[in-house]
Amino acid sequence: MAPCMQMPFTYGAYRDMLRALKTQGYAFCGYEDWRDVEKSVILRHDIDFDTAAALEMAELEVREGVKSTYFALLRTGFYNPFERNCTEHLRRIVGLGHDVGLHFDETQYDEGENMPAAIEREAAALSGILEVPVRCVSMHRPSNVALEADWDVPGIVNSYSKELFHSFEYVSDSHRHWRKPVLDLIRSNECSHLHILTHPFWYGEIEASLKESLDRFSKRARAERVTFLDSNFTNLDEALDPACVMVSRVTLLQGARLRTDRLVLRSLRLDDAPDMFEYTSEPEVSQFLNWHPHRETEEAKSWIASKLARAEVDDLLLGMELRESSKLIGTVRAYHFDAVTSSCEISYALNPLYQGCGYMGEALRCLVDTCFEAVGVKRVVACIDCENAASVHVACRLGMERVSGGDFFTSIKGEERLQHTYSLKRRLQ
């Protein structure tokens, strides 16, 4: 057999796969409604490491009009479905219209235990968390014994049942490697029923190697541990390195979604490029910045890709998305977090079509409050060109004041430009 051509592990490639399935006439089914469908696909996602990554993929699928099934582990060292954030992630996946089933790990039990009974107990517990019935189970790294046993659990479909394996062509990206050419199978029209397993953990806006993915996960896991300590110890930054504590707080915000009355502040995506180009192509937006107007959408896409590829641990760059239309209208950024001075710097850019509506003030107030409350900085600064009246107006409306002695020169497009420093101090309650 010829070597399997690997589909990239990116959201864009996954989106293309979904569209290929639609083009070829596949109906997206669950584990209970495929039998009467002439040409069906079951999309299965095993949540082995990270519920936040699963939610990201679930939201992508909703934007594509697709329903799938996510399987959550109840007993694992990587996440806790009973923990508040994990519970929220799983419930939001259900709220988006997807199914959530049990990912069962037989190695958590002694040999000889009644596995169907254990599955029933875990499914009941997961159902209690989700507040909806759990009607399907997948096995986590199943043994030959588990596969041969074909465990039958009343009211719960086993995704490894002999019926499903005999009826479907099974394709998996386990260990970040497609063992069959999934896109070729889809486009061949030779398979009337496809069962596609993916692991959301491996996917991102830009492709990361296995090493890069695991390294990123390890760093985030460390940040989570530090923030758990942070929530249980007063003045943790007096016991641990203050910079480590601050960076951990920022790291956990990098994948967060901050909501205001009219906006969602969230990580940038490559498919934001057309919306971003709408304003980065305008000369007035980059007039006081060190880059020239974009001439084509691909430049905006490349800029986003570069930021995603080189994300710094002390850099919080968020897109401003209109809640009503999901359109990107600008960005806000908090960076240069400094534990010694307990400060950070902010910057911002807005589509001129949306100026004068209070959007930037709304976004910056949310960002600044997050820096004060969640990160713990005591001062936020902004460095603004002396002729940038619009940005000065926004800063002053936010409550920032010009810093005496804070003027300096910097090179902008080869010209030395005078910058004023504005500052906002946190008000103690």
Protein backbone atom coordinates (compact mmCIF):
# COMPACT_ATOMS: atom_id res chain seq x y z
CA MET A 1 0.00 0.00 0.00
CA ALA A 2 1.27 3.49 -0.81
CA PRO A 3 2.27 5.69 2.15
CA CYS A 4 -0.64 7.56 3.71
CA MET A 5 -0.66 11.25 2.82
CA GLN A 6 -1.09 13.09 6.10
CA MET A 7 -3.83 15.67 6.47
CA PRO A 8 -2.40 18.68 8.34
CA PHE A 9 -3.43 18.95 11.99
CA THR A 10 -4.95 22.41 11.63
CA TYR A 11 -8.45 23.78 12.02
CA GLY A 12 -8.35 24.83 8.38
CA ALA A 13 -7.58 21.28 7.21
CA TYR A 14 -10.26 19.85 9.48
CA ARG A 15 -12.74 22.39 8.12
CA ASP A 16 -11.81 21.31 4.59
CA MET A 17 -12.44 17.68 5.56
CA LEU A 18 -15.92 18.56 6.82
CA ARG A 19 -16.67 20.37 3.57
CA ALA A 20 -15.40 17.41 1.54
CA LEU A 21 -17.80 15.15 3.46
CA LYS A 22 -20.67 17.50 2.61
CA THR A 23 -19.64 17.68 -1.04
CA GLN A 24 -19.63 13.88 -1.26
CA GLY A 25 -23.13 13.70 0.20
CA TYR A 26 -22.39 12.25 3.64
CA ALA A 27 -24.99 12.77 6.36
CA PHE A 28 -23.52 13.56 9.78
CA CYS A 29 -24.96 11.05 12.23
CA GLY A 30 -24.67 9.94 15.83
CA TYR A 31 -24.39 6.43 17.20
CA GLU A 32 -28.15 5.91 17.32
CA ASP A 33 -29.47 7.34 14.04
CA TRP A 34 -27.23 5.99 11.24
CA ARG A 35 -28.95 2.73 10.31
CA ASP A 36 -31.55 4.15 7.92
CA VAL A 37 -29.11 6.57 6.28
CA GLU A 38 -27.73 5.51 2.91
CA LYS A 39 -24.46 7.44 3.22
CA SER A 40 -23.39 8.42 6.72
CA VAL A 41 -20.40 9.58 8.70
CA ILE A 42 -19.96 9.46 12.46
CA LEU A 43 -17.47 12.02 13.75
CA ARG A 44 -15.96 10.88 17.03
CA HIS A 45 -13.67 12.97 19.22
CA ASP A 46 -11.82 11.44 22.18
CA ILE A 47 -10.96 14.04 24.83
CA ASP A 48 -7.72 12.54 26.12
CA PHE A 49 -6.02 15.65 27.49
CA ASP A 50 -7.87 18.95 27.26
CA THR A 51 -11.56 19.87 27.42
CA ALA A 52 -10.83 23.43 26.23
CA ALA A 53 -9.40 22.07 22.97
CA ALA A 54 -12.52 19.95 22.54
CA LEU A 55 -14.75 23.00 22.97
CA GLU A 56 -12.72 24.88 20.35
CA MET A 57 -13.33 22.10 17.82
CA ALA A 58 -17.01 21.86 18.80
CA GLU A 59 -17.44 25.57 18.05
CA LEU A 60 -15.70 25.15 14.70
CA GLU A 61 -18.11 22.35 13.79
CA VAL A 62 -21.13 24.44 14.71
CA ARG A 63 -19.90 27.20 12.41
CA GLU A 64 -19.82 24.55 9.67
CA GLY A 65 -23.31 23.26 10.56
CA VAL A 66 -21.98 19.89 11.73
CA LYS A 67 -22.88 17.69 14.70
CA SER A 68 -20.50 15.16 16.24
CA THR A 69 -19.85 13.11 19.39
CA TYR A 70 -17.27 13.92 22.07
CA PHE A 71 -16.08 11.32 24.58
CA ALA A 72 -14.91 12.48 28.02
CA LEU A 73 -12.79 10.51 30.48
CA LEU A 74 -14.13 10.35 34.00
CA ARG A 75 -10.96 8.89 35.52
CA THR A 76 -7.78 10.55 34.27
CA GLY A 77 -4.83 12.50 35.58
CA PHE A 78 -5.12 15.15 32.87
CA TYR A 79 -8.42 16.80 33.72
CA ASN A 80 -11.34 16.50 36.12
CA PRO A 81 -14.88 16.61 34.65
CA PHE A 82 -16.17 17.60 38.09
CA GLU A 83 -13.93 20.69 38.16
CA ARG A 84 -15.83 23.87 37.35
CA ASN A 85 -14.03 24.88 34.14
CA CYS A 86 -14.11 21.33 32.72
CA THR A 87 -17.78 20.99 33.59
CA GLU A 88 -18.49 24.28 31.83
CA HIS A 89 -16.56 23.16 28.72
CA LEU A 90 -18.47 19.88 28.49
CA ARG A 91 -21.85 21.50 29.09
CA ARG A 92 -21.15 24.10 26.42
CA ILE A 93 -20.33 21.30 23.97
CA VAL A 94 -23.72 19.77 24.76
CA GLY A 95 -25.35 23.19 24.48
CA LEU A 96 -23.95 23.56 20.96
CA GLY A 97 -25.95 20.50 19.91
CA HIS A 98 -23.24 17.84 20.07
CA ASP A 99 -23.43 14.55 21.94
CA VAL A 100 -21.07 13.79 24.82
CA GLY A 101 -20.36 10.18 25.69
CA LEU A 102 -18.14 8.32 28.14
CA HIS A 103 -14.49 7.62 27.32
CA PHE A 104 -13.83 4.52 29.42
CA ASP A 105 -10.35 3.56 30.62
CA GLU A 106 -10.29 -0.11 31.60
CA THR A 107 -6.79 0.23 33.11
CA GLN A 108 -8.34 2.12 36.03
CA TYR A 109 -9.86 -1.17 37.20
CA ASP A 110 -8.45 -4.47 38.45
CA GLU A 111 -8.49 -7.50 36.21
CA GLY A 112 -11.66 -9.49 36.64
CA GLU A 113 -13.89 -6.55 37.58
CA ASN A 114 -17.31 -6.28 35.98
CA MET A 115 -16.53 -3.78 33.22
CA PRO A 116 -20.09 -3.30 31.90
CA ALA A 117 -21.18 -2.44 35.45
CA ALA A 118 -18.27 0.00 35.77
CA ILE A 119 -19.27 1.63 32.47
CA GLU A 120 -22.82 2.02 33.76
CA ARG A 121 -21.58 3.69 36.96
CA GLU A 122 -19.26 6.08 35.13
CA ALA A 123 -21.91 6.93 32.53
CA ALA A 124 -24.38 7.73 35.32
CA ALA A 125 -21.81 10.00 36.99
CA LEU A 126 -21.02 11.79 33.73
CA SER A 127 -24.73 12.17 33.04
CA GLY A 128 -25.05 13.89 36.40
CA ILE A 129 -22.33 16.36 35.44
CA LEU A 130 -23.81 17.09 32.01
CA GLU A 131 -27.43 17.02 33.18
CA VAL A 132 -28.32 15.00 30.07
CA PRO A 133 -28.35 11.23 29.45
CA VAL A 134 -25.10 9.58 28.34
CA ARG A 135 -25.97 7.06 25.64
CA CYS A 136 -22.61 6.02 24.15
CA VAL A 137 -19.18 4.88 25.24
CA SER A 138 -15.76 4.65 23.58
CA MET A 139 -12.79 2.76 24.98
CA HIS A 140 -9.55 4.53 25.83
CA ARG A 141 -6.67 2.56 24.29
CA PRO A 142 -8.70 -0.67 24.37
CA SER A 143 -7.03 -4.00 24.99
CA ASN A 144 -7.67 -7.02 22.78
CA VAL A 145 -9.75 -8.40 25.65
CA ALA A 146 -12.00 -5.33 25.57
CA LEU A 147 -12.37 -5.50 21.80
CA GLU A 148 -13.18 -9.20 21.81
CA ALA A 149 -15.57 -8.90 24.74
CA ASP A 150 -17.86 -6.55 22.78
CA TRP A 151 -19.29 -5.31 26.08
CA ASP A 152 -23.05 -4.83 26.02
CA VAL A 153 -24.34 -2.13 28.36
CA PRO A 154 -28.11 -1.52 28.49
CA GLY A 155 -29.03 1.84 26.96
CA ILE A 156 -25.44 2.64 25.94
CA VAL A 157 -23.97 2.18 22.45
CA ASN A 158 -20.43 0.78 22.39
CA SER A 159 -18.48 2.60 19.66
CA TYR A 160 -16.22 -0.46 19.43
CA SER A 161 -19.10 -2.89 18.97
CA LYS A 162 -18.72 -5.53 16.28
CA GLU A 163 -21.78 -4.12 14.51
CA LEU A 164 -20.18 -0.69 14.09
CA PHE A 165 -16.81 -2.08 13.07
CA HIS A 166 -18.38 -4.34 10.46
CA SER A 167 -20.68 -1.61 9.13
CA PHE A 168 -18.24 1.34 8.98
CA GLU A 169 -14.85 2.12 7.50
CA TYR A 170 -12.91 3.21 10.59
CA VAL A 171 -10.28 5.98 10.29
CA SER A 172 -8.26 7.40 13.19
CA ASP A 173 -5.60 10.05 13.85
CA SER A 174 -4.34 8.28 16.99
CA HIS A 175 -0.89 9.38 18.19
CA ARG A 176 -1.13 12.27 15.71
CA HIS A 177 -0.88 9.98 12.69
CA TRP A 178 -3.53 9.09 10.13
CA ARG A 179 -3.18 5.39 9.36
CA LYS A 180 -5.45 5.64 6.32
CA PRO A 181 -5.71 8.45 3.73
CA VAL A 182 -8.88 9.99 5.14
CA LEU A 183 -9.38 12.58 2.37
CA ASP A 184 -8.85 9.95 -0.34
CA LEU A 185 -11.42 7.71 1.33
CA ILE A 186 -13.95 10.54 1.48
CA ARG A 187 -13.48 11.54 -2.15
CA SER A 188 -13.37 7.98 -3.49
CA ASN A 189 -17.10 7.43 -2.87
CA GLU A 190 -16.22 3.81 -2.08
CA CYS A 191 -17.37 3.95 1.58
CA SER A 192 -21.07 4.31 2.34
CA HIS A 193 -20.41 4.56 6.09
CA LEU A 194 -17.39 6.32 7.60
CA HIS A 195 -16.41 6.35 11.28
CA ILE A 196 -13.77 9.08 11.78
CA LEU A 197 -11.93 9.45 15.09
CA THR A 198 -9.97 12.61 15.84
CA HIS A 199 -8.31 13.94 18.98
CA PRO A 200 -8.92 17.72 19.33
CA PHE A 201 -5.70 18.10 21.33
CA TRP A 202 -3.57 17.82 18.17
CA TYR A 203 -5.30 20.59 16.20
CA GLY A 204 -4.70 24.33 16.13
CA GLU A 205 -4.85 27.40 13.91
CA ILE A 206 -1.33 26.62 12.70
CA GLU A 207 0.26 23.18 12.64
CA ALA A 208 2.47 22.15 15.55
CA SER A 209 4.67 19.08 15.69
CA LEU A 210 4.06 16.36 18.25
CA LYS A 211 6.94 17.75 20.32
CA GLU A 212 5.63 21.31 20.09
CA SER A 213 2.11 20.22 21.05
CA LEU A 214 3.33 18.30 24.09
CA ASP A 215 5.68 21.10 25.12
CA ARG A 216 2.87 23.66 24.92
CA PHE A 217 0.61 21.36 26.94
CA SER A 218 3.29 20.82 29.60
CA LYS A 219 3.82 24.57 30.01
CA ARG A 220 0.10 25.18 30.31
CA ALA A 221 -0.21 22.34 32.84
CA ARG A 222 2.48 23.99 34.96
CA ALA A 223 0.63 27.30 34.73
CA GLU A 224 -2.58 25.60 35.85
CA ARG A 225 -0.84 24.11 38.90
CA VAL A 226 0.60 27.49 39.85
CA THR A 227 -2.79 29.19 39.52
CA PHE A 228 -4.44 26.46 41.61
CA LEU A 229 -1.87 27.23 44.30
CA ASP A 230 -2.55 30.92 43.71
CA SER A 231 -6.23 30.45 44.48
CA ASN A 232 -5.44 28.63 47.73
CA PHE A 233 -2.57 30.73 49.12
CA THR A 234 -2.63 34.40 49.98
CA ASN A 235 0.35 36.29 48.54
CA LEU A 236 1.72 33.27 46.67
CA ASP A 237 4.12 35.60 44.85
CA GLU A 238 5.93 36.07 48.16
CA ALA A 239 6.64 32.33 48.37
CA LEU A 240 7.28 31.64 44.68
CA ASP A 241 9.01 33.70 42.01
CA PRO A 242 6.60 36.62 41.37
CA ALA A 243 7.37 36.52 37.64
CA CYS A 244 6.43 32.82 37.51
CA VAL A 245 3.11 33.52 39.23
CA MET A 246 2.30 36.44 36.92
CA VAL A 247 3.24 34.56 33.75
CA SER A 248 1.07 31.62 34.85
CA ARG A 249 -1.91 33.93 35.26
CA VAL A 250 -1.38 35.40 31.79
CA THR A 251 -0.84 31.98 30.20
CA LEU A 252 -4.24 30.75 31.32
CA LEU A 253 -5.90 33.85 29.89
CA GLN A 254 -4.44 33.31 26.41
CA GLY A 255 -7.17 30.86 25.41
CA ALA A 256 -9.94 32.59 27.34
CA ARG A 257 -13.00 34.36 25.99
CA LEU A 258 -13.86 37.64 27.67
CA ARG A 259 -17.39 38.89 27.13
CA THR A 260 -18.85 42.38 27.29
CA ASP A 261 -22.36 43.56 26.44
CA ARG A 262 -21.59 43.75 22.72
CA LEU A 263 -18.24 42.03 22.24
CA VAL A 264 -16.32 38.81 22.66
CA LEU A 265 -12.58 39.19 23.19
CA ARG A 266 -10.90 36.00 22.02
CA SER A 267 -7.81 34.55 20.36
CA LEU A 268 -7.29 35.37 16.71
CA ARG A 269 -8.05 32.78 14.03
CA LEU A 270 -6.70 32.50 10.50
CA ASP A 271 -10.22 32.92 9.12
CA ASP A 272 -10.27 36.40 10.70
CA ALA A 273 -8.01 37.55 7.85
CA PRO A 274 -10.76 39.03 5.60
CA ASP A 275 -12.24 41.04 8.48
CA MET A 276 -8.80 42.18 9.59
CA PHE A 277 -7.78 43.18 6.06
CA GLU A 278 -10.85 45.42 5.92
CA TYR A 279 -9.13 47.78 8.36
CA THR A 280 -5.40 46.96 8.11
CA SER A 281 -5.60 48.04 4.46
CA GLU A 282 -6.58 51.55 5.61
CA PRO A 283 -3.57 53.93 5.90
CA GLU A 284 -5.00 55.70 8.95
CA VAL A 285 -4.89 52.49 11.01
CA SER A 286 -1.13 52.00 10.64
CA GLN A 287 -0.21 55.70 10.44
CA PHE A 288 1.51 55.70 13.84
CA LEU A 289 2.60 52.06 13.83
CA ASN A 290 5.68 50.29 12.49
CA TRP A 291 4.00 48.51 9.60
CA HIS A 292 2.53 49.57 6.28
CA PRO A 293 -1.08 49.08 5.12
CA HIS A 294 -1.79 45.56 3.93
CA ARG A 295 -2.30 45.27 0.18
CA GLU A 296 -4.06 41.91 0.14
CA THR A 297 -5.88 39.58 2.50
CA GLU A 298 -2.97 37.15 2.52
CA GLU A 299 -0.84 39.75 4.32
CA ALA A 300 -3.36 39.92 7.14
CA LYS A 301 -3.45 36.13 7.27
CA SER A 302 0.35 35.95 7.42
CA TRP A 303 0.39 38.51 10.23
CA ILE A 304 -2.09 36.45 12.25
CA ALA A 305 -0.10 33.28 11.58
CA SER A 306 3.12 34.93 12.74
CA LYS A 307 1.50 36.03 16.00
CA LEU A 308 0.08 32.56 16.64
CA ALA A 309 3.42 30.90 15.88
CA ARG A 310 5.41 33.20 18.16
CA ALA A 311 2.97 33.65 21.02
CA GLU A 312 4.88 34.92 24.06
CA VAL A 313 3.99 33.82 27.57
CA ASP A 314 3.55 37.45 28.67
CA ASP A 315 1.53 38.61 25.67
CA LEU A 316 -2.27 38.69 25.60
CA LEU A 317 -3.46 39.54 22.07
CA LEU A 318 -7.24 39.36 21.63
CA GLY A 319 -9.54 39.93 18.70
CA MET A 320 -12.65 42.07 19.15
CA GLU A 321 -15.63 40.12 17.81
CA LEU A 322 -19.14 41.54 17.58
CA ARG A 323 -21.43 39.21 19.51
CA GLU A 324 -24.32 39.87 17.13
CA SER A 325 -22.54 39.08 13.86
CA SER A 326 -19.27 37.32 14.90
CA LYS A 327 -17.37 39.90 12.82
CA LEU A 328 -13.83 40.87 13.87
CA ILE A 329 -13.59 44.67 14.17
CA GLY A 330 -10.25 45.18 15.90
CA THR A 331 -7.71 43.95 18.43
CA VAL A 332 -6.63 44.78 21.96
CA ARG A 333 -3.37 43.69 23.50
CA ALA A 334 -1.78 43.54 26.96
CA TYR A 335 1.92 42.76 27.03
CA HIS A 336 5.26 43.52 28.74
CA PHE A 337 3.90 42.17 32.02
CA ASP A 338 6.45 43.05 34.71
CA ALA A 339 6.23 41.52 38.18
CA VAL A 340 8.82 43.93 39.60
CA THR A 341 6.83 47.06 38.69
CA SER A 342 3.49 45.18 38.78
CA SER A 343 2.55 46.69 35.44
CA CYS A 344 1.78 45.92 31.81
CA GLU A 345 1.40 47.85 28.58
CA ILE A 346 -1.69 47.98 26.36
CA SER A 347 -2.25 48.80 22.69
CA TYR A 348 -5.26 48.69 20.41
CA ALA A 349 -6.53 48.97 16.83
CA LEU A 350 -10.07 49.39 15.52
CA ASN A 351 -11.77 49.26 12.14
CA PRO A 352 -12.55 52.94 11.29
CA LEU A 353 -16.08 51.92 10.28
CA TYR A 354 -16.80 51.14 13.94
CA GLN A 355 -15.19 54.17 15.55
CA GLY A 356 -17.36 56.51 17.58
CA CYS A 357 -19.60 53.70 18.86
CA GLY A 358 -17.81 53.04 22.16
CA TYR A 359 -16.53 49.61 21.13
CA MET A 360 -12.88 50.29 21.93
CA GLY A 361 -13.67 51.75 25.34
CA GLU A 362 -15.82 48.71 26.09
CA ALA A 363 -13.07 46.31 25.03
CA LEU A 364 -10.29 48.12 26.87
CA ARG A 365 -12.28 48.39 30.07
CA CYS A 366 -12.75 44.62 29.99
CA LEU A 367 -9.07 44.02 29.21
CA VAL A 368 -7.80 46.41 31.88
CA ASP A 369 -10.14 45.00 34.52
CA THR A 370 -8.87 41.52 33.63
CA CYS A 371 -5.26 42.67 34.01
CA PHE A 372 -6.07 44.20 37.39
CA GLU A 373 -8.24 41.41 38.77
CA ALA A 374 -6.99 38.19 37.14
CA VAL A 375 -3.31 39.02 36.62
CA GLY A 376 -2.88 41.30 39.62
CA VAL A 377 -1.04 44.23 38.02
CA LYS A 378 -1.33 47.57 39.77
CA ARG A 379 -0.67 49.83 36.79
CA VAL A 380 -1.44 49.78 33.06
CA VAL A 381 0.44 52.02 30.62
CA ALA A 382 0.01 53.00 26.97
CA CYS A 383 2.66 54.62 24.78
CA ILE A 384 0.97 56.85 22.19
CA ASP A 385 2.33 58.99 19.36
CA CYS A 386 2.11 62.69 20.16
CA GLU A 387 -0.09 63.29 17.09
CA ASN A 388 -2.41 60.31 17.57
CA ALA A 389 -5.37 62.27 18.91
CA ALA A 390 -7.85 59.40 18.50
CA SER A 391 -5.82 57.01 20.67
CA VAL A 392 -5.22 59.72 23.26
CA HIS A 393 -8.98 60.30 23.41
CA VAL A 394 -9.61 56.58 24.01
CA ALA A 395 -6.93 56.46 26.74
CA CYS A 396 -8.31 59.50 28.53
CA ARG A 397 -11.88 58.17 28.36
CA LEU A 398 -10.52 55.04 30.04
CA GLY A 399 -9.20 57.19 32.89
CA MET A 400 -5.54 57.17 31.89
CA GLU A 401 -3.39 60.23 32.59
CA ARG A 402 -0.24 61.43 30.86
CA VAL A 403 2.88 60.57 32.85
CA SER A 404 5.16 63.48 33.70
CA GLY A 405 8.62 62.71 32.37
CA GLY A 406 7.28 59.78 30.35
CA ASP A 407 8.05 61.20 26.90
CA PHE A 408 10.50 59.38 24.63
CA PHE A 409 11.38 58.99 20.97
CA THR A 410 11.06 55.80 18.94
CA SER A 411 11.59 54.93 15.29
CA ILE A 412 8.38 54.54 13.28
CA LYS A 413 8.90 53.59 9.63
CA GLY A 414 12.39 55.08 9.77
CA GLU A 415 11.32 58.37 11.39
CA GLU A 416 11.99 59.36 15.01
CA ARG A 417 8.59 60.00 16.58
CA LEU A 418 7.76 61.50 19.97
CA GLN A 419 5.72 59.21 22.22
CA HIS A 420 3.75 60.17 25.33
CA THR A 421 3.20 57.67 28.13
CA TYR A 422 -0.25 57.36 29.70
CA SER A 423 -0.95 55.44 32.88
CA LEU A 424 -3.90 54.06 34.83
CA LYS A 425 -3.48 52.84 38.40
CA ARG A 426 -5.65 50.18 39.96
CA ARG A 427 -8.02 51.55 42.53
CA LEU A 428 -7.93 49.56 45.74
CA GLN A 429 -11.34 48.49 47.00
